[in-house]
Amino acid sequence: MQEIPGDLKFLKSHEWARREDDGNVRVGISEYAQGALGDLVYCELPAVGDELKANHTCAVVESVKAASDIYSPLSGTVVAVNEALTDNPEKINEDAYGEGWIYLVEPTDLDELNELLDPDDYQELLDSQA
């Protein structure tokens, strides 16, 4: 069983959110999601300045198996993207919870984080899908 960092919150669609010290929220896809997708070959990032809505598509990752939409865990403005993924989308496969982050958002409503799954609830979701 994979280790799920305790400081993350999750959407049921396997995106994670981590609140940073500056109040912004870093977003990526879970270890489970990258494993299910397989080797990633392309990542379409949102643009800095994009306005995101919670639970709406904001990015796309493509693997040798399929393309998958990435949904935003919360509403806000994109303040940074992980440009390294443009040339090296496999960083998501290698380090989903670290170097494989996708974008950083300045949230408009931090209370939306409370609506996401905590690590224990996310593990239960994974167990139910096994």
N, C-alpha and C. Protein backbone atom coordinates (compact mmCIF):
# COMPACT_ATOMS: atom_id res chain seq x y z
N MET A 1 0.85 -1.18 0.00
CA MET A 1 0.00 0.00 0.00
C MET A 1 0.90 1.25 0.00
N GLN A 2 0.50 2.24 -0.79
CA GLN A 2 1.29 3.46 -0.89
C GLN A 2 1.06 4.37 0.31
N GLU A 3 2.06 5.15 0.61
CA GLU A 3 1.98 6.11 1.71
C GLU A 3 1.34 7.39 1.20
N ILE A 4 0.29 7.86 1.87
CA ILE A 4 -0.39 9.09 1.49
C ILE A 4 0.03 10.17 2.48
N PRO A 5 0.67 11.25 1.99
CA PRO A 5 1.09 12.32 2.91
C PRO A 5 -0.09 12.89 3.68
N GLY A 6 0.12 13.14 4.96
CA GLY A 6 -0.95 13.59 5.84
C GLY A 6 -1.38 15.03 5.65
N ASP A 7 -0.60 15.82 4.88
CA ASP A 7 -0.94 17.23 4.69
C ASP A 7 -1.73 17.49 3.41
N LEU A 8 -2.21 16.43 2.78
CA LEU A 8 -2.94 16.58 1.52
C LEU A 8 -4.44 16.42 1.70
N LYS A 9 -5.18 17.01 0.79
CA LYS A 9 -6.63 16.81 0.66
C LYS A 9 -6.85 16.34 -0.77
N PHE A 10 -7.93 15.59 -1.00
CA PHE A 10 -8.13 14.95 -2.30
C PHE A 10 -9.54 15.14 -2.84
N LEU A 11 -9.62 15.20 -4.18
CA LEU A 11 -10.90 15.04 -4.87
C LEU A 11 -11.09 13.55 -5.11
N LYS A 12 -12.34 13.13 -5.29
CA LYS A 12 -12.60 11.72 -5.61
C LYS A 12 -12.00 11.34 -6.95
N SER A 13 -11.72 12.34 -7.80
CA SER A 13 -11.12 12.09 -9.12
C SER A 13 -9.58 12.02 -9.04
N HIS A 14 -9.03 11.98 -7.82
CA HIS A 14 -7.61 11.69 -7.54
C HIS A 14 -6.65 12.87 -7.68
N GLU A 15 -7.17 14.10 -7.69
CA GLU A 15 -6.28 15.26 -7.61
C GLU A 15 -6.02 15.55 -6.13
N TRP A 16 -4.82 16.03 -5.83
CA TRP A 16 -4.49 16.41 -4.45
C TRP A 16 -4.26 17.91 -4.35
N ALA A 17 -4.44 18.42 -3.13
CA ALA A 17 -4.22 19.83 -2.83
C ALA A 17 -3.44 19.93 -1.52
N ARG A 18 -2.40 20.79 -1.52
CA ARG A 18 -1.59 21.01 -0.32
C ARG A 18 -1.50 22.52 -0.08
N ARG A 19 -1.95 22.96 1.07
CA ARG A 19 -1.85 24.38 1.41
C ARG A 19 -0.42 24.69 1.78
N GLU A 20 0.12 25.73 1.14
CA GLU A 20 1.49 26.16 1.38
C GLU A 20 1.51 27.23 2.47
N ASP A 21 2.69 27.53 2.98
CA ASP A 21 2.83 28.52 4.06
C ASP A 21 2.32 29.90 3.67
N ASP A 22 2.39 30.24 2.37
CA ASP A 22 1.96 31.57 1.92
C ASP A 22 0.45 31.64 1.65
N GLY A 23 -0.27 30.53 1.90
CA GLY A 23 -1.72 30.52 1.70
C GLY A 23 -2.14 30.01 0.34
N ASN A 24 -1.20 29.91 -0.60
CA ASN A 24 -1.52 29.33 -1.90
C ASN A 24 -1.64 27.82 -1.76
N VAL A 25 -2.21 27.18 -2.78
CA VAL A 25 -2.44 25.75 -2.73
C VAL A 25 -1.79 25.09 -3.95
N ARG A 26 -0.92 24.11 -3.68
CA ARG A 26 -0.24 23.35 -4.73
C ARG A 26 -1.13 22.16 -5.10
N VAL A 27 -1.21 21.85 -6.39
CA VAL A 27 -2.12 20.82 -6.87
C VAL A 27 -1.38 19.83 -7.77
N GLY A 28 -1.74 18.56 -7.65
CA GLY A 28 -1.19 17.52 -8.52
C GLY A 28 -2.16 16.36 -8.58
N ILE A 29 -1.68 15.24 -9.12
CA ILE A 29 -2.51 14.02 -9.13
C ILE A 29 -1.86 13.00 -8.21
N SER A 30 -2.67 12.10 -7.70
CA SER A 30 -2.21 11.15 -6.69
C SER A 30 -1.30 10.08 -7.28
N GLU A 31 -0.59 9.44 -6.39
CA GLU A 31 0.25 8.29 -6.74
C GLU A 31 -0.62 7.23 -7.42
N TYR A 32 -1.79 7.01 -6.88
CA TYR A 32 -2.72 6.04 -7.47
C TYR A 32 -3.06 6.41 -8.91
N ALA A 33 -3.40 7.68 -9.15
CA ALA A 33 -3.80 8.14 -10.48
C ALA A 33 -2.67 7.98 -11.49
N GLN A 34 -1.46 8.39 -11.11
CA GLN A 34 -0.36 8.27 -12.07
C GLN A 34 -0.07 6.81 -12.37
N GLY A 35 -0.22 5.94 -11.37
CA GLY A 35 0.00 4.51 -11.60
C GLY A 35 -1.05 3.92 -12.53
N ALA A 36 -2.30 4.35 -12.36
CA ALA A 36 -3.38 3.86 -13.22
C ALA A 36 -3.22 4.35 -14.66
N LEU A 37 -2.70 5.56 -14.82
CA LEU A 37 -2.50 6.11 -16.17
C LEU A 37 -1.32 5.48 -16.88
N GLY A 38 -0.29 5.11 -16.14
CA GLY A 38 0.92 4.58 -16.75
C GLY A 38 1.88 5.70 -17.10
N ASP A 39 2.82 5.41 -17.98
CA ASP A 39 3.88 6.37 -18.32
C ASP A 39 3.29 7.60 -18.99
N LEU A 40 3.47 8.75 -18.35
CA LEU A 40 2.95 10.00 -18.89
C LEU A 40 3.88 10.53 -19.98
N VAL A 41 3.27 10.99 -21.08
CA VAL A 41 4.04 11.47 -22.22
C VAL A 41 3.76 12.93 -22.56
N TYR A 42 2.72 13.52 -21.96
CA TYR A 42 2.35 14.89 -22.27
C TYR A 42 1.54 15.47 -21.12
N CYS A 43 1.75 16.76 -20.87
CA CYS A 43 0.98 17.45 -19.83
C CYS A 43 0.59 18.82 -20.37
N GLU A 44 -0.71 19.09 -20.45
CA GLU A 44 -1.21 20.41 -20.85
C GLU A 44 -1.53 21.18 -19.58
N LEU A 45 -0.72 22.19 -19.31
CA LEU A 45 -0.83 22.95 -18.07
C LEU A 45 -1.82 24.11 -18.21
N PRO A 46 -2.41 24.55 -17.11
CA PRO A 46 -3.18 25.79 -17.17
C PRO A 46 -2.19 26.95 -17.35
N ALA A 47 -2.69 28.12 -17.67
CA ALA A 47 -1.83 29.29 -17.82
C ALA A 47 -1.85 30.11 -16.53
N VAL A 48 -0.71 30.72 -16.20
CA VAL A 48 -0.67 31.64 -15.07
C VAL A 48 -1.69 32.74 -15.34
N GLY A 49 -2.51 33.03 -14.35
CA GLY A 49 -3.57 34.02 -14.50
C GLY A 49 -4.93 33.42 -14.78
N ASP A 50 -4.97 32.13 -15.16
CA ASP A 50 -6.26 31.47 -15.39
C ASP A 50 -7.10 31.49 -14.12
N GLU A 51 -8.38 31.75 -14.27
CA GLU A 51 -9.33 31.67 -13.17
C GLU A 51 -9.95 30.28 -13.18
N LEU A 52 -9.79 29.55 -12.09
CA LEU A 52 -10.29 28.18 -12.00
C LEU A 52 -11.53 28.11 -11.11
N LYS A 53 -12.39 27.15 -11.43
CA LYS A 53 -13.55 26.87 -10.59
C LYS A 53 -13.39 25.47 -10.03
N ALA A 54 -13.73 25.29 -8.77
CA ALA A 54 -13.64 23.98 -8.14
C ALA A 54 -14.41 22.95 -8.95
N ASN A 55 -13.83 21.78 -9.11
CA ASN A 55 -14.42 20.64 -9.80
C ASN A 55 -14.60 20.84 -11.30
N HIS A 56 -13.89 21.81 -11.88
CA HIS A 56 -13.90 22.01 -13.32
C HIS A 56 -12.54 21.65 -13.90
N THR A 57 -12.52 21.21 -15.15
CA THR A 57 -11.28 20.84 -15.82
C THR A 57 -10.34 22.03 -15.93
N CYS A 58 -9.05 21.79 -15.65
CA CYS A 58 -8.07 22.87 -15.75
C CYS A 58 -6.78 22.45 -16.43
N ALA A 59 -6.58 21.16 -16.63
CA ALA A 59 -5.35 20.66 -17.25
C ALA A 59 -5.65 19.27 -17.82
N VAL A 60 -4.69 18.75 -18.59
CA VAL A 60 -4.82 17.41 -19.17
C VAL A 60 -3.47 16.71 -19.07
N VAL A 61 -3.49 15.44 -18.71
CA VAL A 61 -2.29 14.62 -18.81
C VAL A 61 -2.58 13.47 -19.77
N GLU A 62 -1.56 13.12 -20.55
CA GLU A 62 -1.71 12.01 -21.49
C GLU A 62 -0.63 10.99 -21.20
N SER A 63 -1.07 9.73 -21.25
CA SER A 63 -0.13 8.63 -21.07
C SER A 63 -0.14 7.78 -22.34
N VAL A 64 0.65 6.73 -22.32
CA VAL A 64 0.64 5.82 -23.45
C VAL A 64 -0.71 5.11 -23.56
N LYS A 65 -1.49 5.12 -22.48
CA LYS A 65 -2.80 4.45 -22.45
C LYS A 65 -3.96 5.37 -22.79
N ALA A 66 -3.95 6.60 -22.24
CA ALA A 66 -5.13 7.46 -22.34
C ALA A 66 -4.81 8.90 -21.99
N ALA A 67 -5.75 9.78 -22.33
CA ALA A 67 -5.69 11.16 -21.87
C ALA A 67 -6.66 11.29 -20.71
N SER A 68 -6.31 12.13 -19.75
CA SER A 68 -7.16 12.29 -18.57
C SER A 68 -7.25 13.77 -18.20
N ASP A 69 -8.47 14.25 -17.99
CA ASP A 69 -8.67 15.61 -17.53
C ASP A 69 -8.24 15.72 -16.07
N ILE A 70 -7.69 16.89 -15.72
CA ILE A 70 -7.35 17.22 -14.34
C ILE A 70 -8.37 18.25 -13.88
N TYR A 71 -8.98 18.00 -12.74
CA TYR A 71 -9.99 18.89 -12.18
C TYR A 71 -9.38 19.70 -11.04
N SER A 72 -9.80 20.94 -10.94
CA SER A 72 -9.28 21.80 -9.88
C SER A 72 -9.98 21.49 -8.56
N PRO A 73 -9.22 21.23 -7.50
CA PRO A 73 -9.83 20.97 -6.20
C PRO A 73 -10.52 22.19 -5.59
N LEU A 74 -10.09 23.41 -6.02
CA LEU A 74 -10.72 24.60 -5.48
C LEU A 74 -10.65 25.74 -6.48
N SER A 75 -11.45 26.76 -6.22
CA SER A 75 -11.52 27.93 -7.09
C SER A 75 -10.39 28.89 -6.75
N GLY A 76 -9.91 29.61 -7.78
CA GLY A 76 -8.88 30.60 -7.56
C GLY A 76 -8.15 30.95 -8.83
N THR A 77 -7.03 31.65 -8.68
CA THR A 77 -6.21 32.11 -9.79
C THR A 77 -4.90 31.34 -9.82
N VAL A 78 -4.53 30.82 -10.99
CA VAL A 78 -3.26 30.13 -11.14
C VAL A 78 -2.13 31.15 -11.01
N VAL A 79 -1.21 30.91 -10.05
CA VAL A 79 -0.09 31.83 -9.84
C VAL A 79 1.24 31.24 -10.30
N ALA A 80 1.28 29.92 -10.53
CA ALA A 80 2.49 29.28 -11.04
C ALA A 80 2.12 27.92 -11.62
N VAL A 81 2.90 27.49 -12.59
CA VAL A 81 2.73 26.14 -13.15
C VAL A 81 4.09 25.46 -13.13
N ASN A 82 4.09 24.16 -13.12
CA ASN A 82 5.33 23.39 -13.10
C ASN A 82 5.82 23.22 -14.53
N GLU A 83 6.57 24.22 -15.01
CA GLU A 83 7.05 24.24 -16.40
C GLU A 83 7.89 23.00 -16.73
N ALA A 84 8.52 22.40 -15.72
CA ALA A 84 9.35 21.21 -15.96
C ALA A 84 8.54 20.08 -16.58
N LEU A 85 7.23 20.07 -16.35
CA LEU A 85 6.39 19.00 -16.88
C LEU A 85 6.23 19.09 -18.39
N THR A 86 6.46 20.27 -18.97
CA THR A 86 6.34 20.43 -20.42
C THR A 86 7.30 19.49 -21.14
N ASP A 87 8.54 19.45 -20.68
CA ASP A 87 9.55 18.58 -21.30
C ASP A 87 9.69 17.23 -20.60
N ASN A 88 9.23 17.16 -19.34
CA ASN A 88 9.42 15.94 -18.55
C ASN A 88 8.15 15.56 -17.79
N PRO A 89 7.07 15.20 -18.52
CA PRO A 89 5.83 14.84 -17.82
C PRO A 89 5.99 13.62 -16.92
N GLU A 90 7.03 12.84 -17.15
CA GLU A 90 7.26 11.65 -16.33
C GLU A 90 7.61 12.00 -14.89
N LYS A 91 7.90 13.29 -14.61
CA LYS A 91 8.13 13.71 -13.22
C LYS A 91 6.92 13.37 -12.35
N ILE A 92 5.73 13.39 -12.95
CA ILE A 92 4.53 13.01 -12.20
C ILE A 92 4.61 11.54 -11.81
N ASN A 93 5.07 10.68 -12.72
CA ASN A 93 5.22 9.26 -12.41
C ASN A 93 6.28 9.04 -11.34
N GLU A 94 7.33 9.83 -11.40
CA GLU A 94 8.47 9.63 -10.50
C GLU A 94 8.22 10.15 -9.09
N ASP A 95 7.47 11.26 -8.97
CA ASP A 95 7.30 11.91 -7.66
C ASP A 95 5.97 12.67 -7.64
N ALA A 96 4.87 11.93 -7.60
CA ALA A 96 3.54 12.53 -7.73
C ALA A 96 3.24 13.58 -6.67
N TYR A 97 3.76 13.39 -5.45
CA TYR A 97 3.46 14.31 -4.36
C TYR A 97 4.55 15.37 -4.13
N GLY A 98 5.57 15.37 -4.99
CA GLY A 98 6.67 16.32 -4.83
C GLY A 98 6.94 17.07 -6.13
N GLU A 99 8.01 16.67 -6.83
CA GLU A 99 8.42 17.35 -8.07
C GLU A 99 7.39 17.25 -9.18
N GLY A 100 6.42 16.36 -9.03
CA GLY A 100 5.39 16.18 -10.06
C GLY A 100 4.15 17.04 -9.88
N TRP A 101 4.23 18.07 -9.02
CA TRP A 101 3.07 18.96 -8.86
C TRP A 101 2.74 19.61 -10.20
N ILE A 102 1.49 20.05 -10.38
CA ILE A 102 1.07 20.58 -11.67
C ILE A 102 0.96 22.10 -11.67
N TYR A 103 0.27 22.67 -10.67
CA TYR A 103 0.15 24.12 -10.62
C TYR A 103 -0.08 24.59 -9.19
N LEU A 104 0.07 25.91 -9.01
CA LEU A 104 -0.14 26.56 -7.73
C LEU A 104 -1.26 27.56 -7.92
N VAL A 105 -2.24 27.53 -7.02
CA VAL A 105 -3.40 28.41 -7.15
C VAL A 105 -3.53 29.30 -5.91
N GLU A 106 -3.91 30.55 -6.16
CA GLU A 106 -4.28 31.45 -5.07
C GLU A 106 -5.78 31.29 -4.89
N PRO A 107 -6.20 30.62 -3.82
CA PRO A 107 -7.62 30.29 -3.66
C PRO A 107 -8.49 31.51 -3.36
N THR A 108 -9.70 31.47 -3.89
CA THR A 108 -10.65 32.53 -3.58
C THR A 108 -11.46 32.18 -2.33
N ASP A 109 -11.51 30.89 -1.98
CA ASP A 109 -12.27 30.45 -0.81
C ASP A 109 -11.60 29.22 -0.19
N LEU A 110 -10.78 29.44 0.84
CA LEU A 110 -10.07 28.32 1.47
C LEU A 110 -11.01 27.31 2.11
N ASP A 111 -12.25 27.71 2.39
CA ASP A 111 -13.21 26.77 2.96
C ASP A 111 -13.48 25.59 2.02
N GLU A 112 -13.21 25.79 0.72
CA GLU A 112 -13.40 24.67 -0.22
C GLU A 112 -12.49 23.50 0.11
N LEU A 113 -11.36 23.76 0.77
CA LEU A 113 -10.48 22.67 1.19
C LEU A 113 -11.19 21.72 2.15
N ASN A 114 -12.09 22.25 2.96
CA ASN A 114 -12.82 21.43 3.93
C ASN A 114 -13.78 20.44 3.27
N GLU A 115 -14.10 20.67 2.00
CA GLU A 115 -15.00 19.79 1.28
C GLU A 115 -14.27 18.61 0.64
N LEU A 116 -12.93 18.64 0.68
CA LEU A 116 -12.13 17.58 0.06
C LEU A 116 -11.92 16.43 1.04
N LEU A 117 -11.51 15.30 0.50
CA LEU A 117 -11.24 14.12 1.33
C LEU A 117 -9.91 14.27 2.06
N ASP A 118 -9.90 13.89 3.34
CA ASP A 118 -8.62 13.86 4.05
C ASP A 118 -7.92 12.54 3.68
N PRO A 119 -6.65 12.36 4.05
CA PRO A 119 -5.93 11.15 3.64
C PRO A 119 -6.61 9.84 4.03
N ASP A 120 -7.22 9.77 5.22
CA ASP A 120 -7.89 8.53 5.63
C ASP A 120 -9.11 8.24 4.76
N ASP A 121 -9.90 9.28 4.47
CA ASP A 121 -11.07 9.10 3.61
C ASP A 121 -10.65 8.73 2.19
N TYR A 122 -9.55 9.32 1.72
CA TYR A 122 -9.06 9.00 0.39
C TYR A 122 -8.59 7.54 0.34
N GLN A 123 -7.92 7.08 1.39
CA GLN A 123 -7.48 5.68 1.43
C GLN A 123 -8.69 4.75 1.40
N GLU A 124 -9.77 5.12 2.10
CA GLU A 124 -10.99 4.32 2.06
C GLU A 124 -11.54 4.26 0.64
N LEU A 125 -11.50 5.39 -0.07
CA LEU A 125 -11.95 5.42 -1.46
C LEU A 125 -11.10 4.46 -2.30
N LEU A 126 -9.80 4.51 -2.13
CA LEU A 126 -8.93 3.60 -2.89
C LEU A 126 -9.21 2.14 -2.56
N ASP A 127 -9.40 1.86 -1.26
CA ASP A 127 -9.70 0.49 -0.85
C ASP A 127 -11.00 -0.01 -1.46
N SER A 128 -11.98 0.88 -1.60
CA SER A 128 -13.28 0.48 -2.16
C SER A 128 -13.19 0.24 -3.66
N GLN A 129 -12.16 0.80 -4.31
CA GLN A 129 -11.99 0.63 -5.75
C GLN A 129 -11.11 -0.56 -6.10
N ALA A 130 -10.49 -1.15 -5.08
CA ALA A 130 -9.54 -2.25 -5.32
C ALA A 130 -10.27 -3.53 -5.69
